[in-house]
Amino acid sequence: LFVITNEQNFNAVHEFVTENNCFGLDQNDVTVVVHGSTPVVDAQGKILMKSKGQIWKKPGGTGMSLKAVAEEGLLPDVRCRGVTHLHFLGTNNIAAKILDPVFVGYAEPVG
């Protein structure tokens, strides 16, 4: 299980997962990963500044999650475990089902 978080929330999320004993999972099967951030831009594409000399950034979101997993060097472990599919679920999608078989079925190539 990869728990993907941003830089601002990493410590709190990591502590929460640890304090809850990885929710019954083996600690070797749970990794908290930080995904990158991206500059905030206005409607014209101009990068906005948070303060003088500091670019305003926001969490990169799901789009940067796979990149973060790869950059952490976790993909070889994924392959060694025989994992053939990754399912990303954003916390802002409270109606989504974890590993929803219908959703995963639509994503699986036919033939």
Foldseek 3Di string as FASTA:
>chain_A
DEAEDAPVCQVVVVVVCVVCVVVPDPPVVYYYWHFYWDFDADPVRHGDAPDVPHTDIDGPPPVRVVVRCVVVVNVVVCVVVVNDDDDDDDPVCVVDDVVPVVVVVVVDDDD
